[in-house]
Amino acid sequence: MSHHKTPPYTRAQALCVFYNNGRILVYEAEDSVKKETFCRPLGGGIHFQERGADAAKREILEELGEETEKIEFIGVLENIYKYEGNSGHEIVLIFDGKFKNGNLYKESRIKALEGPKSGYAVWKNIDDFKDNKQVLYPDGLLELLQKQYK
């Protein structure tokens, strides 16, 4: 996530949640203005004339170098936010997906080729996000996941 100023328009994003025994794969990031550490599933912008599911697959390949399958749409969220003091607005398609490489489910973290400062995507327990013990974005994602994976 780079710190350039967010353009003043609404962006279409595709994020993929990899559900694994009560855990999901996220990047941890920091908002230095809010002094907040937060988590967000992997994914990114949808290109013009690219389907959301294809964007999710492409982004995971770019970010982790890993192939995905069984990409299924689970919901859409609207996220109006401030990050690093800049206003943003995105329509976020949320997908569930599976890694072709089953070993990734056994790792505690997965090396990222691009993305977070830490250099890793990490598995986090969904329960960690209840009662805001840890922050999960986009807003509404926790409720969507609780419905999806109960």
Foldseek 3Di string as FASTA:
>chain_A
DDDDAADPDEFEWEFEWEDAPQKTKWDWAAFPVVRAIATEGWFTGADVPRDSQRRHQVRCCQWQVFGKDPKAWQDWDWAFDAGNNHTHTYIYTYIYIGTPPPCVSVDQWGATPDDHPVRIIGIDRLVCPPPPVHHYDDPPVSVSVVVVPD
